[in-house]
Amino acid sequence: MTRLYLRVFLTFWCITAIIIVTSVVSVHWRDINPDNNLQRLRDDREYEPGLRFLYQMVGSAINRNSAQVLADMRSMPEWSIRHFYIVDSNNHDLLGRPLPPGVQHLVHKLNPSHPFDKVIVEDEKTWGRHVTLNDGKGVKIFTLSASKGEKKSGDIVWQLFINNIWPLILTSILVSGTACFFLARHLARGLSTLQKATRSIAKGDLSVRISQRFDKRHDEIASLAHDFDHMTERLEKAMAEQKRLIKDVSHELRTPLARLQVALALAQQRSQGVVDKELDRIKQAADYLNDVISDILALPVLDDGGWALDDTMDLTALLNALQESLESEAERQSVSLRLDNPLSEALVATHGNMLYGVFDNVLRNALRYTPNGGEITTHVSRDDAVLRIVVDDTGPGVPENQLADIFQPFYRTDQARDRESGGYGLGLAIAQRTVALHGGQISAHNRPGGGLSVSITLPALAS
């Protein structure tokens, strides 16, 4: 928001400054003023800066008396005085300076009946004009171009303009800058309020409302604030309905699962040890399903929330157990399972047994897509306080443009569109959220030799 504020402020200020400078320069350069009769002669072919300087001097002196003219001359900068002379009725310069040759040549020619003349002496042009001041006294005003041996200083009138007008330009720019400052702050304040409200929503606070802060405004930003409140109200309502749906689904899932566990207990009592091994596996799966349902329903709706990581799990023991549970299935598919784990113990903070579901899902996905005769290798390593588990398979891999999408809910690649081979697309999505809520990361990339590599990093506890 600070960048936008500065951008708006500087943009407005630069535009107004350019307008001010351009307007003032244009008025000066084009003589856009009510009293520009004398300046119209500028279109003459002989028009030069010195001639225009004469027009400016005449226009300034004609409405003043001799004392005022003398005071004006004395107040002018030294470099400009060299280019003009004002001579009284006795043909003496008002400042007591000796008259140059061109002025001496014209001073006797100018009179009320012959008010204007010019001459070129020694490559120096001199223009003269007879003027009657408002006190009735007549003076003769002469302007000279730069002499041949003198370094030209450019347009005389332009230099006078710069010296006389820069305070006005500076004041105008400062005033416009102040106005642009308050305008930019007024515009940016509304956007800043919207930004803060958006951040609050991102943190899970859907009760934020901002339209009341714009009651005194009746512009598009105020309308946007009202639309924003309407959106957050709809989101809050939708979130409440989602939570209510989750509770209903929880009830519907738990009820048949509880019946299944009761039926399993009765079956174990009546089996008399005949199918205890099979029933134990069913019970283990049912218990695991019950834990998974509990933990999934405990997942926070927003990503910045999380569980209290109040338990500790040894990933070495977990991965060993998973390897053993998947061995029989891997043998049926002629797939080799290998665990490369140099760590005797790999402790992580966790909540419940959710990490079991993460690695079980990754390994089963690898087993599902690895062809007969393939190999799945699980590498475990530790770097300072980070544990890294990488599962490599020799399956077909995933198209490069879909690697990030496989962690989205209900997303399945083209090779896994049927439910039997590809599932519902929830496993990796749940795994990603679970790993993130443990403070870790999960990613996937294709192996150079073929197959997919899934990498999981988790914060490690001191052994």
Protein backbone atom coordinates (compact mmCIF):
# COMPACT_ATOMS: atom_id res chain seq x y z
CA MET A 1 0.00 0.00 0.00
CA THR A 2 2.91 2.33 0.68
CA ARG A 3 4.13 1.82 -2.88
CA LEU A 4 0.70 2.56 -4.29
CA TYR A 5 0.42 5.64 -2.08
CA LEU A 6 3.77 6.97 -3.29
CA ARG A 7 2.98 6.06 -6.89
CA VAL A 8 -0.32 7.94 -6.84
CA PHE A 9 1.24 10.92 -5.06
CA LEU A 10 4.26 11.20 -7.36
CA THR A 11 2.18 10.64 -10.49
CA PHE A 12 -0.31 13.38 -9.60
CA TRP A 13 2.45 15.75 -8.53
CA CYS A 14 4.54 15.21 -11.67
CA ILE A 15 1.51 15.76 -13.89
CA THR A 16 0.51 18.99 -12.15
CA ALA A 17 4.12 20.22 -12.13
CA ILE A 18 4.43 19.57 -15.86
CA ILE A 19 1.13 21.36 -16.49
CA ILE A 20 2.23 24.37 -14.42
CA VAL A 21 5.65 24.70 -16.07
CA THR A 22 4.29 24.09 -19.57
CA SER A 23 1.50 26.62 -19.11
CA VAL A 24 3.78 29.34 -17.74
CA VAL A 25 6.43 28.77 -20.41
CA SER A 26 3.79 28.73 -23.15
CA VAL A 27 2.28 32.00 -21.93
CA HIS A 28 5.73 33.58 -21.93
CA TRP A 29 6.97 32.12 -25.16
CA ARG A 30 3.80 32.74 -27.16
CA ASP A 31 3.00 36.07 -25.48
CA ILE A 32 -0.45 34.88 -24.48
CA ASN A 33 -1.61 37.89 -22.52
CA PRO A 34 -4.28 40.59 -22.94
CA ASP A 35 -1.79 43.33 -23.87
CA ASN A 36 0.33 41.81 -26.61
CA ASN A 37 -0.03 44.35 -29.42
CA LEU A 38 3.67 45.18 -29.48
CA GLN A 39 4.61 41.46 -29.26
CA ARG A 40 2.73 40.67 -32.44
CA LEU A 41 5.66 42.12 -34.35
CA ARG A 42 7.57 38.99 -33.32
CA ASP A 43 6.34 37.27 -36.49
CA ASP A 44 8.51 39.66 -38.45
CA ARG A 45 11.39 38.04 -40.30
CA GLU A 46 13.82 40.26 -38.38
CA TYR A 47 12.50 39.15 -35.04
CA GLU A 48 15.34 38.36 -32.62
CA PRO A 49 15.66 38.04 -28.83
CA GLY A 50 17.06 41.57 -28.59
CA LEU A 51 14.06 42.97 -30.46
CA ARG A 52 11.67 41.09 -28.24
CA PHE A 53 13.57 42.41 -25.23
CA LEU A 54 12.84 45.91 -26.54
CA TYR A 55 9.12 45.11 -26.74
CA GLN A 56 9.18 43.83 -23.19
CA MET A 57 11.06 46.89 -21.91
CA VAL A 58 8.67 49.29 -23.66
CA GLY A 59 5.64 47.43 -22.37
CA SER A 60 7.02 47.57 -18.83
CA ALA A 61 8.09 51.24 -18.90
CA ILE A 62 5.17 52.85 -20.69
CA ASN A 63 2.94 52.79 -17.60
CA ARG A 64 5.62 53.98 -15.15
CA ASN A 65 7.30 57.28 -14.29
CA SER A 66 10.98 58.12 -14.64
CA ALA A 67 11.78 57.42 -10.96
CA GLN A 68 10.20 54.00 -11.15
CA VAL A 69 12.03 53.20 -14.37
CA LEU A 70 15.36 54.13 -12.78
CA ALA A 71 14.58 52.02 -9.72
CA ASP A 72 13.73 49.07 -11.97
CA MET A 73 17.01 49.42 -13.84
CA ARG A 74 19.03 49.42 -10.65
CA SER A 75 17.26 46.29 -9.40
CA MET A 76 17.90 44.27 -12.56
CA PRO A 77 20.78 41.72 -12.67
CA GLU A 78 24.16 42.89 -13.96
CA TRP A 79 24.18 40.56 -16.96
CA SER A 80 20.89 42.01 -18.29
CA ILE A 81 21.88 45.67 -17.88
CA ARG A 82 24.62 45.19 -20.49
CA HIS A 83 21.92 44.59 -23.12
CA PHE A 84 19.81 47.73 -22.73
CA TYR A 85 20.09 51.50 -22.22
CA ILE A 86 17.46 54.06 -21.26
CA VAL A 87 18.36 57.59 -22.28
CA ASP A 88 16.70 60.77 -20.98
CA SER A 89 15.80 63.91 -22.93
CA ASN A 90 19.41 65.12 -22.61
CA ASN A 91 20.65 61.94 -24.30
CA HIS A 92 22.31 60.66 -21.09
CA ASP A 93 21.95 57.08 -19.87
CA LEU A 94 19.92 56.97 -16.63
CA LEU A 95 22.70 54.93 -15.01
CA GLY A 96 25.40 57.32 -16.22
CA ARG A 97 27.06 54.81 -18.54
CA PRO A 98 28.81 55.80 -21.80
CA LEU A 99 26.67 55.10 -24.84
CA PRO A 100 27.86 52.40 -27.27
CA PRO A 101 28.26 53.23 -30.97
CA GLY A 102 24.89 51.86 -32.01
CA VAL A 103 23.04 53.86 -29.36
CA GLN A 104 24.99 57.01 -30.30
CA HIS A 105 23.94 56.48 -33.92
CA LEU A 106 20.22 56.15 -33.09
CA VAL A 107 19.82 58.54 -30.16
CA HIS A 108 19.48 61.61 -32.35
CA LYS A 109 17.11 59.95 -34.80
CA LEU A 110 14.39 58.92 -32.31
CA ASN A 111 11.60 61.38 -31.50
CA PRO A 112 7.82 61.26 -31.10
CA SER A 113 7.37 61.48 -34.87
CA HIS A 114 10.02 58.79 -35.53
CA PRO A 115 9.65 56.49 -32.49
CA PHE A 116 11.38 53.33 -33.77
CA ASP A 117 14.62 52.54 -35.59
CA LYS A 118 17.48 50.04 -35.75
CA VAL A 119 21.11 49.95 -36.80
CA ILE A 120 24.00 47.47 -37.18
CA VAL A 121 27.38 48.75 -36.05
CA GLU A 122 30.41 46.48 -35.85
CA ASP A 123 28.22 43.36 -36.23
CA GLU A 124 26.15 44.44 -33.22
CA LYS A 125 22.44 45.08 -33.75
CA THR A 126 20.82 47.91 -31.84
CA TRP A 127 17.10 48.63 -31.62
CA GLY A 128 15.63 51.85 -30.25
CA ARG A 129 12.21 53.14 -29.27
CA HIS A 130 10.99 56.54 -28.08
CA VAL A 131 8.50 56.25 -25.20
CA THR A 132 6.53 58.83 -23.23
CA LEU A 133 6.24 57.85 -19.58
CA ASN A 134 3.12 58.42 -17.48
CA ASP A 135 4.69 61.53 -15.90
CA GLY A 136 4.95 63.13 -19.34
CA LYS A 137 8.71 62.73 -19.71
CA GLY A 138 10.10 61.18 -22.86
CA VAL A 139 12.84 58.53 -22.79
CA LYS A 140 14.54 56.45 -25.41
CA ILE A 141 14.96 52.73 -24.80
CA PHE A 142 17.68 50.79 -26.60
CA THR A 143 18.42 47.07 -26.62
CA LEU A 144 21.54 45.42 -28.00
CA SER A 145 22.32 41.96 -29.22
CA ALA A 146 25.44 40.26 -27.86
CA SER A 147 28.59 41.67 -29.33
CA LYS A 148 30.71 39.54 -31.62
CA GLY A 149 33.45 38.96 -29.07
CA GLU A 150 31.09 38.35 -26.14
CA LYS A 151 29.92 34.86 -25.23
CA LYS A 152 26.29 34.59 -26.20
CA SER A 153 24.03 34.00 -23.25
CA GLY A 154 20.98 32.87 -25.22
CA ASP A 155 17.59 34.52 -25.30
CA ILE A 156 17.78 37.62 -23.09
CA VAL A 157 14.06 37.61 -22.43
CA TRP A 158 14.16 33.91 -21.58
CA GLN A 159 16.83 34.50 -18.96
CA LEU A 160 14.84 37.36 -17.47
CA PHE A 161 11.79 35.13 -17.45
CA ILE A 162 13.61 32.36 -15.59
CA ASN A 163 15.03 34.77 -13.01
CA ASN A 164 11.70 36.47 -12.39
CA ILE A 165 9.25 33.61 -12.61
CA TRP A 166 10.96 30.72 -10.78
CA PRO A 167 9.57 31.74 -7.34
CA LEU A 168 6.05 31.57 -8.78
CA ILE A 169 6.71 28.18 -10.40
CA LEU A 170 8.27 26.81 -7.21
CA THR A 171 5.36 28.05 -5.08
CA SER A 172 2.84 26.58 -7.53
CA ILE A 173 4.60 23.22 -7.54
CA LEU A 174 4.73 23.11 -3.73
CA VAL A 175 1.04 24.01 -3.47
CA SER A 176 0.12 21.37 -6.04
CA GLY A 177 2.33 18.84 -4.23
CA THR A 178 0.46 19.49 -0.99
CA ALA A 179 -2.88 19.04 -2.74
CA CYS A 180 -1.68 15.82 -4.42
CA PHE A 181 -0.39 14.53 -1.07
CA PHE A 182 -3.79 14.82 0.59
CA LEU A 183 -5.56 13.45 -2.49
CA ALA A 184 -3.24 10.41 -2.64
CA ARG A 185 -3.68 9.80 1.07
CA HIS A 186 -7.46 10.03 0.69
CA LEU A 187 -7.44 7.44 -2.11
CA ALA A 188 -4.89 5.13 -0.51
CA ARG A 189 -6.60 5.17 2.89
CA GLY A 190 -9.62 3.32 1.51
CA LEU A 191 -7.45 0.75 -0.24
CA SER A 192 -5.41 0.27 2.92
CA THR A 193 -8.59 -0.50 4.86
CA LEU A 194 -9.59 -3.06 2.23
CA GLN A 195 -6.14 -4.64 2.37
CA LYS A 196 -6.22 -5.01 6.16
CA ALA A 197 -9.70 -6.53 5.98
CA THR A 198 -8.56 -9.00 3.31
CA ARG A 199 -5.66 -10.07 5.49
CA SER A 200 -8.03 -10.61 8.39
CA ILE A 201 -10.17 -12.86 6.21
CA ALA A 202 -7.07 -14.78 5.12
CA LYS A 203 -6.38 -15.44 8.81
CA GLY A 204 -9.87 -16.84 9.28
CA ASP A 205 -11.74 -13.86 10.72
CA LEU A 206 -14.87 -13.78 8.57
CA SER A 207 -16.66 -11.40 10.94
CA VAL A 208 -14.73 -8.35 9.68
CA ARG A 209 -16.90 -5.58 8.22
CA ILE A 210 -15.67 -2.28 6.76
CA SER A 211 -18.60 -0.50 5.09
CA GLN A 212 -19.28 1.61 8.19
CA ARG A 213 -15.84 3.19 7.78
CA PHE A 214 -16.92 4.59 4.41
CA ASP A 215 -20.22 6.14 5.48
CA LYS A 216 -18.95 9.63 4.62
CA ARG A 217 -17.88 8.59 1.15
CA HIS A 218 -20.13 8.05 -1.84
CA ASP A 219 -17.67 6.91 -4.48
CA GLU A 220 -16.65 3.62 -6.08
CA ILE A 221 -14.42 2.67 -3.13
CA ALA A 222 -17.39 2.99 -0.78
CA SER A 223 -19.41 0.76 -3.12
CA LEU A 224 -16.54 -1.71 -3.14
CA ALA A 225 -16.56 -1.73 0.67
CA HIS A 226 -20.29 -2.58 0.69
CA ASP A 227 -19.70 -5.37 -1.84
CA PHE A 228 -16.81 -6.59 0.29
CA ASP A 229 -19.05 -6.82 3.36
CA HIS A 230 -21.66 -8.68 1.33
CA MET A 231 -18.99 -11.14 0.19
CA THR A 232 -17.66 -11.77 3.71
CA GLU A 233 -21.20 -12.25 4.98
CA ARG A 234 -21.79 -14.90 2.31
CA LEU A 235 -18.46 -16.54 3.11
CA GLU A 236 -19.22 -16.62 6.82
CA LYS A 237 -22.58 -18.20 6.14
CA ALA A 238 -21.06 -20.76 3.76
CA MET A 239 -18.37 -21.62 6.29
CA ALA A 240 -20.96 -22.15 9.01
CA GLU A 241 -22.91 -24.45 6.68
CA GLN A 242 -19.72 -26.34 5.86
CA LYS A 243 -18.95 -26.91 9.53
CA ARG A 244 -22.49 -28.10 10.09
CA LEU A 245 -22.12 -30.47 7.11
CA ILE A 246 -18.88 -31.84 8.55
CA LYS A 247 -20.63 -32.62 11.83
CA ASP A 248 -23.44 -34.37 9.98
CA VAL A 249 -20.99 -36.40 7.89
CA SER A 250 -19.09 -37.28 11.05
CA HIS A 251 -22.23 -38.71 12.57
CA GLU A 252 -23.10 -40.65 9.42
CA LEU A 253 -19.58 -42.11 9.20
CA ARG A 254 -19.18 -42.98 12.84
CA THR A 255 -22.51 -44.77 13.21
CA PRO A 256 -21.95 -47.63 10.70
CA LEU A 257 -18.30 -47.85 11.76
CA ALA A 258 -19.32 -48.35 15.37
CA ARG A 259 -21.74 -51.09 14.29
CA LEU A 260 -18.94 -52.71 12.29
CA GLN A 261 -16.64 -52.74 15.34
CA VAL A 262 -19.38 -54.31 17.47
CA ALA A 263 -19.99 -56.96 14.82
CA LEU A 264 -16.25 -57.69 14.69
CA ALA A 265 -16.11 -58.14 18.46
CA LEU A 266 -19.00 -60.61 18.31
CA ALA A 267 -17.41 -62.44 15.39
CA GLN A 268 -14.14 -62.82 17.31
CA GLN A 269 -16.00 -64.30 20.26
CA ARG A 270 -17.82 -66.84 18.09
CA SER A 271 -14.97 -67.75 15.74
CA GLN A 272 -13.21 -69.82 18.43
CA GLY A 273 -9.83 -68.93 16.94
CA VAL A 274 -10.58 -70.22 13.44
CA VAL A 275 -10.34 -66.86 11.64
CA ASP A 276 -8.80 -64.74 14.37
CA LYS A 277 -5.94 -63.66 12.13
CA GLU A 278 -8.28 -62.39 9.42
CA LEU A 279 -10.61 -60.76 11.94
CA ASP A 280 -7.65 -59.03 13.60
CA ARG A 281 -6.71 -57.51 10.26
CA ILE A 282 -10.29 -56.34 9.73
CA LYS A 283 -10.38 -54.89 13.23
CA GLN A 284 -7.03 -53.16 12.69
CA ALA A 285 -8.33 -51.66 9.46
CA ALA A 286 -11.57 -50.55 11.17
CA ASP A 287 -9.64 -48.98 14.04
CA TYR A 288 -7.39 -47.22 11.58
CA LEU A 289 -10.42 -45.99 9.63
CA ASN A 290 -11.95 -44.68 12.86
CA ASP A 291 -8.75 -42.80 13.70
CA VAL A 292 -8.51 -41.40 10.18
CA ILE A 293 -12.08 -40.15 10.31
CA SER A 294 -11.46 -38.52 13.67
CA ASP A 295 -8.30 -36.80 12.50
CA ILE A 296 -9.74 -35.68 9.16
CA LEU A 297 -12.72 -34.16 10.92
CA ALA A 298 -10.28 -32.48 13.29
CA LEU A 299 -8.42 -30.85 10.37
CA PRO A 300 -8.86 -27.08 10.65
CA VAL A 301 -10.76 -25.48 7.81
CA LEU A 302 -8.11 -22.81 7.35
CA ASP A 303 -4.43 -23.53 6.70
CA ASP A 304 -3.07 -21.23 9.38
CA GLY A 305 -4.70 -23.23 12.13
CA GLY A 306 -3.43 -26.58 13.35
CA TRP A 307 -3.36 -29.22 16.00
CA ALA A 308 -1.32 -29.13 19.12
CA LEU A 309 1.61 -31.42 18.26
CA ASP A 310 1.45 -33.13 21.62
CA ASP A 311 2.74 -36.55 20.65
CA THR A 312 6.02 -38.03 19.39
CA MET A 313 6.47 -40.58 16.63
CA ASP A 314 9.52 -42.54 15.48
CA LEU A 315 9.53 -42.50 11.67
CA THR A 316 12.04 -45.35 11.59
CA ALA A 317 9.60 -47.66 13.38
CA LEU A 318 6.70 -46.32 11.28
CA LEU A 319 8.43 -46.97 7.96
CA ASN A 320 9.54 -50.44 9.07
CA ALA A 321 5.96 -51.31 9.99
CA LEU A 322 4.68 -50.02 6.65
CA GLN A 323 7.26 -52.03 4.77
CA GLU A 324 6.15 -55.21 6.54
CA SER A 325 2.43 -54.52 5.98
CA LEU A 326 2.96 -53.94 2.23
CA GLU A 327 5.35 -56.83 1.58
CA SER A 328 2.67 -59.43 0.79
CA GLU A 329 0.93 -57.08 -1.68
CA ALA A 330 4.26 -56.15 -3.28
CA GLU A 331 5.15 -59.83 -3.72
CA ARG A 332 1.87 -60.44 -5.55
CA GLN A 333 2.80 -57.67 -7.98
CA SER A 334 6.46 -58.78 -8.20
CA VAL A 335 7.55 -55.37 -6.94
CA SER A 336 10.64 -54.99 -4.77
CA LEU A 337 10.37 -52.82 -1.64
CA ARG A 338 13.60 -51.37 -0.26
CA LEU A 339 14.14 -49.13 2.77
CA ASP A 340 17.35 -47.10 2.86
CA ASN A 341 17.40 -45.72 6.41
CA PRO A 342 20.73 -45.22 8.19
CA LEU A 343 18.97 -43.67 11.22
CA SER A 344 18.28 -45.87 14.21
CA GLU A 345 15.73 -43.35 15.44
CA ALA A 346 13.92 -40.46 13.72
CA LEU A 347 11.64 -38.64 16.13
CA VAL A 348 9.07 -36.03 15.05
CA ALA A 349 6.35 -34.13 16.89
CA THR A 350 2.92 -35.20 15.73
CA HIS A 351 -0.76 -35.42 16.58
CA GLY A 352 -2.32 -38.87 16.77
CA ASN A 353 -1.39 -41.23 13.96
CA MET A 354 -1.97 -38.90 10.99
CA LEU A 355 1.59 -39.30 9.74
CA TYR A 356 0.90 -43.02 9.34
CA GLY A 357 -1.75 -42.13 6.76
CA VAL A 358 0.66 -39.81 4.91
CA PHE A 359 3.36 -42.43 4.33
CA ASP A 360 0.85 -45.23 3.82
CA ASN A 361 -0.82 -43.21 1.06
CA VAL A 362 2.47 -42.31 -0.66
CA LEU A 363 3.76 -45.88 -0.57
CA ARG A 364 0.46 -47.37 -1.76
CA ASN A 365 0.35 -44.88 -4.64
CA ALA A 366 3.88 -45.93 -5.60
CA LEU A 367 2.88 -49.59 -5.39
CA ARG A 368 -0.27 -48.97 -7.45
CA TYR A 369 1.60 -47.42 -10.39
CA THR A 370 4.82 -49.45 -10.33
CA PRO A 371 4.69 -52.19 -12.99
CA ASN A 372 5.55 -55.84 -12.36
CA GLY A 373 9.24 -56.29 -11.76
CA GLY A 374 9.67 -52.68 -10.64
CA GLU A 375 11.21 -51.31 -7.48
CA ILE A 376 10.17 -48.85 -4.76
CA THR A 377 12.91 -47.34 -2.62
CA THR A 378 12.39 -45.23 0.49
CA HIS A 379 15.36 -43.04 1.43
CA VAL A 380 15.62 -41.46 4.88
CA SER A 381 18.16 -38.78 5.76
CA ARG A 382 18.62 -36.04 8.30
CA ASP A 383 20.05 -32.56 7.74
CA ASP A 384 20.44 -30.62 10.99
CA ALA A 385 16.89 -30.37 12.38
CA VAL A 386 15.11 -31.58 9.23
CA LEU A 387 14.16 -35.13 8.32
CA ARG A 388 13.79 -35.93 4.62
CA ILE A 389 11.96 -39.00 3.37
CA VAL A 390 12.03 -39.64 -0.38
CA VAL A 391 9.94 -42.39 -2.00
CA ASP A 392 11.14 -43.35 -5.52
CA ASP A 393 9.22 -45.69 -7.82
CA THR A 394 9.76 -46.97 -11.35
CA GLY A 395 6.27 -46.23 -12.63
CA PRO A 396 5.23 -44.01 -15.57
CA GLY A 397 5.60 -40.77 -13.60
CA VAL A 398 3.34 -37.73 -13.97
CA PRO A 399 3.24 -35.13 -16.80
CA GLU A 400 5.35 -32.13 -15.83
CA ASN A 401 2.42 -29.72 -16.08
CA GLN A 402 0.42 -31.83 -13.59
CA LEU A 403 3.02 -32.30 -10.84
CA ALA A 404 1.63 -29.45 -8.72
CA ASP A 405 -1.98 -30.45 -9.40
CA ILE A 406 -1.75 -33.96 -7.96
CA PHE A 407 -1.91 -32.45 -4.46
CA GLN A 408 -5.25 -30.77 -5.20
CA PRO A 409 -8.42 -32.43 -3.84
CA PHE A 410 -10.21 -34.75 -6.30
CA TYR A 411 -7.53 -34.31 -8.95
CA ARG A 412 -6.49 -37.39 -10.88
CA THR A 413 -4.05 -37.65 -13.75
CA ASP A 414 -5.07 -38.95 -17.16
CA GLN A 415 -3.51 -42.32 -16.32
CA ALA A 416 -5.73 -42.61 -13.21
CA ARG A 417 -9.22 -41.65 -14.33
CA ASP A 418 -10.92 -44.81 -13.18
CA ARG A 419 -11.67 -45.25 -9.50
CA GLU A 420 -10.16 -48.71 -9.31
CA SER A 421 -6.66 -47.58 -10.26
CA GLY A 422 -6.70 -43.89 -9.35
CA GLY A 423 -8.91 -43.54 -6.30
CA TYR A 424 -10.85 -40.34 -5.68
CA GLY A 425 -7.91 -37.95 -5.66
CA LEU A 426 -8.06 -37.20 -1.94
CA GLY A 427 -5.06 -39.08 -0.57
CA LEU A 428 -2.26 -36.71 -1.63
CA ALA A 429 -4.40 -33.67 -0.82
CA ILE A 430 -4.89 -34.91 2.76
CA ALA A 431 -1.21 -35.84 2.93
CA GLN A 432 -0.15 -32.32 1.86
CA ARG A 433 -2.35 -30.61 4.47
CA THR A 434 -1.22 -33.03 7.16
CA VAL A 435 2.47 -32.46 6.40
CA ALA A 436 1.94 -28.68 6.27
CA LEU A 437 0.21 -28.72 9.66
CA HIS A 438 3.25 -30.58 11.00
CA GLY A 439 5.45 -27.75 9.77
CA GLY A 440 6.82 -29.70 6.81
CA GLN A 441 6.60 -29.82 3.02
CA ILE A 442 5.74 -32.42 0.39
CA SER A 443 6.60 -32.24 -3.29
CA ALA A 444 6.94 -34.49 -6.33
CA HIS A 445 9.13 -34.62 -9.42
CA ASN A 446 9.84 -37.05 -12.20
CA ARG A 447 13.03 -39.07 -11.97
CA PRO A 448 15.50 -38.78 -14.87
CA GLY A 449 15.48 -42.55 -15.39
CA GLY A 450 11.69 -42.82 -15.21
CA GLY A 451 9.27 -42.97 -12.32
CA LEU A 452 8.05 -40.52 -9.71
CA SER A 453 9.91 -39.25 -6.67
CA VAL A 454 7.89 -37.90 -3.71
CA SER A 455 9.86 -35.93 -1.13
CA ILE A 456 8.61 -35.21 2.40
CA THR A 457 10.45 -32.99 4.89
CA LEU A 458 9.51 -32.73 8.56
CA PRO A 459 11.04 -30.90 11.54
CA ALA A 460 13.03 -33.39 13.59
CA LEU A 461 13.18 -33.69 17.36
CA ALA A 462 16.41 -34.19 19.23
CA SER A 463 17.08 -37.89 19.73
